[in-house]
C-alpha atoms as a PDB file:
ATOM      1  CA  MET A   1      20.798-175.158-151.028  1.00  0.00           C
ATOM      2  CA  HIS A   2      23.726-177.576-150.876  1.00  0.00           C
ATOM      3  CA  ASP A   3      25.684-175.231-148.567  1.00  0.00           C
ATOM      4  CA  PHE A   4      22.644-174.869-146.327  1.00  0.00           C
ATOM      5  CA  LEU A   5      22.385-178.646-145.920  1.00  0.00           C
ATOM      6  CA  LEU A   6      26.088-178.994-145.137  1.00  0.00           C
ATOM      7  CA  ALA A   7      25.863-176.228-142.533  1.00  0.00           C
ATOM      8  CA  PHE A   8      22.737-177.834-141.059  1.00  0.00           C
ATOM      9  CA  LEU A   9      24.443-181.238-140.873  1.00  0.00           C
ATOM     10  CA  GLY A  10      27.531-179.635-139.316  1.00  0.00           C
ATOM     11  CA  GLY A  11      25.367-177.957-136.680  1.00  0.00           C
ATOM     12  CA  ILE A  12      23.657-181.236-135.848  1.00  0.00           C
ATOM     13  CA  LEU A  13      27.012-183.038-135.541  1.00  0.00           C
ATOM     14  CA  LEU A  14      28.403-180.242-133.386  1.00  0.00           C
ATOM     15  CA  GLY A  15      25.363-180.322-131.115  1.00  0.00           C
ATOM     16  CA  LEU A  16      25.529-184.096-130.773  1.00  0.00           C
ATOM     17  CA  SER A  17      29.242-184.020-129.983  1.00  0.00           C
ATOM     18  CA  VAL A  18      28.792-181.328-127.318  1.00  0.00           C
ATOM     19  CA  VAL A  19      25.870-183.150-125.695  1.00  0.00           C
ATOM     20  CA  GLY A  20      27.756-186.448-125.906  1.00  0.00           C
ATOM     21  CA  TYR A  21      30.847-184.941-124.301  1.00  0.00           C
ATOM     22  CA  LEU A  22      28.746-183.457-121.488  1.00  0.00           C
ATOM     23  CA  TYR A  23      26.891-186.734-120.954  1.00  0.00           C
ATOM     24  CA  VAL A  24      30.002-188.932-120.949  1.00  0.00           C
ATOM     25  CA  ASN A  25      32.411-186.633-119.077  1.00  0.00           C
ATOM     26  CA  GLY A  26      30.143-184.346-117.077  1.00  0.00           C
ATOM     27  CA  ARG A  27      32.014-181.298-118.429  1.00  0.00           C
ATOM     28  CA  ILE A  28      31.184-178.595-120.955  1.00  0.00           C
ATOM     29  CA  ALA A  29      32.998-178.845-124.276  1.00  0.00           C
ATOM     30  CA  GLY A  30      34.316-175.284-124.535  1.00  0.00           C
ATOM     31  CA  VAL A  31      37.452-175.460-126.649  1.00  0.00           C
ATOM     32  CA  SER A  32      39.568-173.149-124.475  1.00  0.00           C
ATOM     33  CA  GLY A  33      38.690-175.232-121.407  1.00  0.00           C
ATOM     34  CA  LEU A  34      39.477-178.443-123.281  1.00  0.00           C
ATOM     35  CA  ILE A  35      42.877-177.085-124.306  1.00  0.00           C
ATOM     36  CA  ALA A  36      43.543-176.094-120.687  1.00  0.00           C
ATOM     37  CA  GLN A  37      42.652-179.653-119.588  1.00  0.00           C
ATOM     38  CA  VAL A  38      44.975-181.210-122.157  1.00  0.00           C
ATOM     39  CA  LEU A  39      47.892-178.909-121.271  1.00  0.00           C
ATOM     40  CA  SER A  40      47.417-179.041-117.493  1.00  0.00           C
ATOM     41  CA  PRO A  41      50.411-180.626-115.716  1.00  0.00           C
ATOM     42  CA  GLN A  42      48.036-182.788-113.626  1.00  0.00           C
ATOM     43  CA  THR A  43      46.236-184.291-116.626  1.00  0.00           C
ATOM     44  CA  LEU A  44      48.802-183.773-119.396  1.00  0.00           C
ATOM     45  CA  PHE A  45      47.530-185.828-122.356  1.00  0.00           C
ATOM     46  CA  LYS A  46      45.485-188.115-120.040  1.00  0.00           C
ATOM     47  CA  THR A  47      42.052-186.713-120.703  1.00  0.00           C
ATOM     48  CA  PRO A  48      39.116-187.369-123.044  1.00  0.00           C
ATOM     49  CA  ALA A  49      39.464-183.704-124.039  1.00  0.00           C
ATOM     50  CA  LEU A  50      42.465-184.705-126.146  1.00  0.00           C
ATOM     51  CA  TRP A  51      40.311-186.985-128.318  1.00  0.00           C
ATOM     52  CA  PHE A  52      37.634-184.318-128.696  1.00  0.00           C
ATOM     53  CA  LEU A  53      40.244-181.744-129.784  1.00  0.00           C
ATOM     54  CA  LEU A  54      41.913-184.202-132.155  1.00  0.00           C
ATOM     55  CA  GLY A  55      38.530-184.696-133.792  1.00  0.00           C
ATOM     56  CA  LEU A  56      38.286-180.939-134.357  1.00  0.00           C
ATOM     57  CA  PHE A  57      41.582-181.016-136.249  1.00  0.00           C
ATOM     58  CA  VAL A  58      41.318-184.374-138.064  1.00  0.00           C
ATOM     59  CA  VAL A  59      37.732-184.320-139.370  1.00  0.00           C
ATOM     60  CA  PRO A  60      38.264-181.319-141.709  1.00  0.00           C
ATOM     61  CA  PHE A  61      41.059-183.239-143.450  1.00  0.00           C
ATOM     62  CA  PHE A  62      38.697-186.158-144.075  1.00  0.00           C
ATOM     63  CA  TYR A  63      36.079-183.723-145.336  1.00  0.00           C
ATOM     64  CA  GLY A  64      38.681-182.229-147.673  1.00  0.00           C
ATOM     65  CA  MET A  65      39.275-185.666-149.178  1.00  0.00           C
ATOM     66  CA  VAL A  66      35.590-186.058-150.009  1.00  0.00           C
ATOM     67  CA  GLN A  67      34.567-182.485-150.789  1.00  0.00           C
ATOM     68  CA  THR A  68      36.797-179.721-152.104  1.00  0.00           C
ATOM     69  CA  PRO A  69      36.325-176.839-149.680  1.00  0.00           C
ATOM     70  CA  ASN A  70      35.838-173.402-151.182  1.00  0.00           C
ATOM     71  CA  ILE A  71      38.029-171.463-148.752  1.00  0.00           C
ATOM     72  CA  VAL A  72      40.090-168.437-149.687  1.00  0.00           C
ATOM     73  CA  LEU A  73      42.412-166.932-147.081  1.00  0.00           C
ATOM     74  CA  GLU A  74      43.051-163.282-147.797  1.00  0.00           C
ATOM     75  CA  ALA A  75      44.906-162.433-144.581  1.00  0.00           C
ATOM     76  CA  SER A  76      48.662-162.579-144.211  1.00  0.00           C
ATOM     77  CA  PRO A  77      50.166-165.206-141.896  1.00  0.00           C
ATOM     78  CA  MET A  78      51.218-162.421-139.493  1.00  0.00           C
ATOM     79  CA  MET A  79      47.654-161.053-139.377  1.00  0.00           C
ATOM     80  CA  MET A  80      46.339-164.551-138.648  1.00  0.00           C
ATOM     81  CA  ILE A  81      48.859-164.979-135.801  1.00  0.00           C
ATOM     82  CA  ILE A  82      47.866-161.610-134.318  1.00  0.00           C
ATOM     83  CA  ALA A  83      44.164-162.502-134.653  1.00  0.00           C
ATOM     84  CA  GLY A  84      44.745-165.849-132.948  1.00  0.00           C
ATOM     85  CA  LEU A  85      46.581-164.196-130.052  1.00  0.00           C
ATOM     86  CA  LEU A  86      43.765-161.663-129.664  1.00  0.00           C
ATOM     87  CA  VAL A  87      41.191-164.458-129.617  1.00  0.00           C
ATOM     88  CA  GLY A  88      43.233-166.300-126.981  1.00  0.00           C
ATOM     89  CA  PHE A  89      43.449-163.120-124.898  1.00  0.00           C
ATOM     90  CA  GLY A  90      39.696-162.626-125.273  1.00  0.00           C
ATOM     91  CA  THR A  91      38.913-166.148-124.115  1.00  0.00           C
ATOM     92  CA  ARG A  92      40.909-165.581-120.941  1.00  0.00           C
ATOM     93  CA  MET A  93      39.244-162.205-120.345  1.00  0.00           C
ATOM     94  CA  GLY A  94      35.759-163.577-121.050  1.00  0.00           C
ATOM     95  CA  SER A  95      36.230-166.744-118.990  1.00  0.00           C
ATOM     96  CA  GLY A  96      35.553-168.941-121.992  1.00  0.00           C
ATOM     97  CA  CYS A  97      35.475-169.130-125.748  1.00  0.00           C
ATOM     98  CA  THR A  98      32.796-168.857-128.396  1.00  0.00           C
ATOM     99  CA  SER A  99      32.066-172.568-128.283  1.00  0.00           C
ATOM    100  CA  GLY A 100      31.782-172.656-124.505  1.00  0.00           C
ATOM    101  CA  HIS A 101      29.580-169.585-124.232  1.00  0.00           C
ATOM    102  CA  GLY A 102      27.810-169.689-127.597  1.00  0.00           C
ATOM    103  CA  ILE A 103      26.962-173.360-127.834  1.00  0.00           C
ATOM    104  CA  CYS A 104      27.085-174.784-124.332  1.00  0.00           C
ATOM    105  CA  GLY A 105      26.251-171.701-122.270  1.00  0.00           C
ATOM    106  CA  ILE A 106      23.274-170.485-124.267  1.00  0.00           C
ATOM    107  CA  SER A 107      21.814-173.992-124.407  1.00  0.00           C
ATOM    108  CA  ARG A 108      21.932-174.016-120.586  1.00  0.00           C
ATOM    109  CA  LEU A 109      20.317-170.521-120.532  1.00  0.00           C
ATOM    110  CA  SER A 110      23.342-169.054-118.747  1.00  0.00           C
ATOM    111  CA  LYS A 111      22.879-165.272-118.509  1.00  0.00           C
ATOM    112  CA  ARG A 112      26.646-164.752-118.443  1.00  0.00           C
ATOM    113  CA  SER A 113      27.044-166.777-121.636  1.00  0.00           C
ATOM    114  CA  ILE A 114      24.199-164.959-123.374  1.00  0.00           C
ATOM    115  CA  VAL A 115      25.790-161.582-122.567  1.00  0.00           C
ATOM    116  CA  ALA A 116      29.239-162.844-123.611  1.00  0.00           C
ATOM    117  CA  THR A 117      27.879-164.204-126.917  1.00  0.00           C
ATOM    118  CA  ILE A 118      26.029-160.984-127.695  1.00  0.00           C
ATOM    119  CA  THR A 119      29.201-159.032-126.889  1.00  0.00           C
ATOM    120  CA  PHE A 120      31.565-161.003-129.119  1.00  0.00           C
ATOM    121  CA  MET A 121      29.050-161.229-131.953  1.00  0.00           C
ATOM    122  CA  PHE A 122      28.524-157.441-131.816  1.00  0.00           C
ATOM    123  CA  ALA A 123      32.298-156.885-131.743  1.00  0.00           C
ATOM    124  CA  GLY A 124      32.638-159.152-134.791  1.00  0.00           C
ATOM    125  CA  PHE A 125      29.899-157.302-136.688  1.00  0.00           C
ATOM    126  CA  VAL A 126      31.484-153.934-135.931  1.00  0.00           C
ATOM    127  CA  THR A 127      34.950-155.159-136.905  1.00  0.00           C
ATOM    128  CA  VAL A 128      33.754-156.524-140.247  1.00  0.00           C
ATOM    129  CA  TYR A 129      31.770-153.367-140.959  1.00  0.00           C
ATOM    130  CA  ILE A 130      34.767-151.142-140.246  1.00  0.00           C
ATOM    131  CA  LEU A 131      37.208-153.278-142.234  1.00  0.00           C
ATOM    132  CA  ARG A 132      34.945-153.743-145.263  1.00  0.00           C
ATOM    133  CA  HIS A 133      32.971-150.540-145.484  1.00  0.00           C
ATOM    134  CA  ILE A 134      35.071-147.863-143.826  1.00  0.00           C
ATOM    135  CA  THR A 135      38.704-148.849-144.431  1.00  0.00           C
ATOM    136  CA  GLY A 136      38.019-150.937-147.557  1.00  0.00           C
ATOM    137  CA  ALA A 137      40.533-153.546-146.356  1.00  0.00           C
ATOM    138  CA  PHE A 138      38.476-156.432-147.796  1.00  0.00           C
END
């Protein structure tokens, strides 16, 4: 039950931050788009997106000080780098990332975002099934 409450609270905080970012800046808080804003030569480090992204990186460290996270990484560093590059490639191909499509797009009833979310969720399900049940990798 404790994990459920933490996940529920995290979802509420995520929803509030996305709505707040949209309300204050008039832009969707998709992480890949925020990174593009921060790294753009025209707005290099002069954007509210930087503060939003910093929050994504800093808050887990504060959480770790209060609550010991139960996270076990079983992948090698090279596998994590490859996975990260594939995710980056996918966000460019799909014109957005999971947060942009899954949180912001679906809440706006965007058909493109709904299809994109269904596609990457299905791909994730299939990948986990193959790795766990067919290859026995995990």
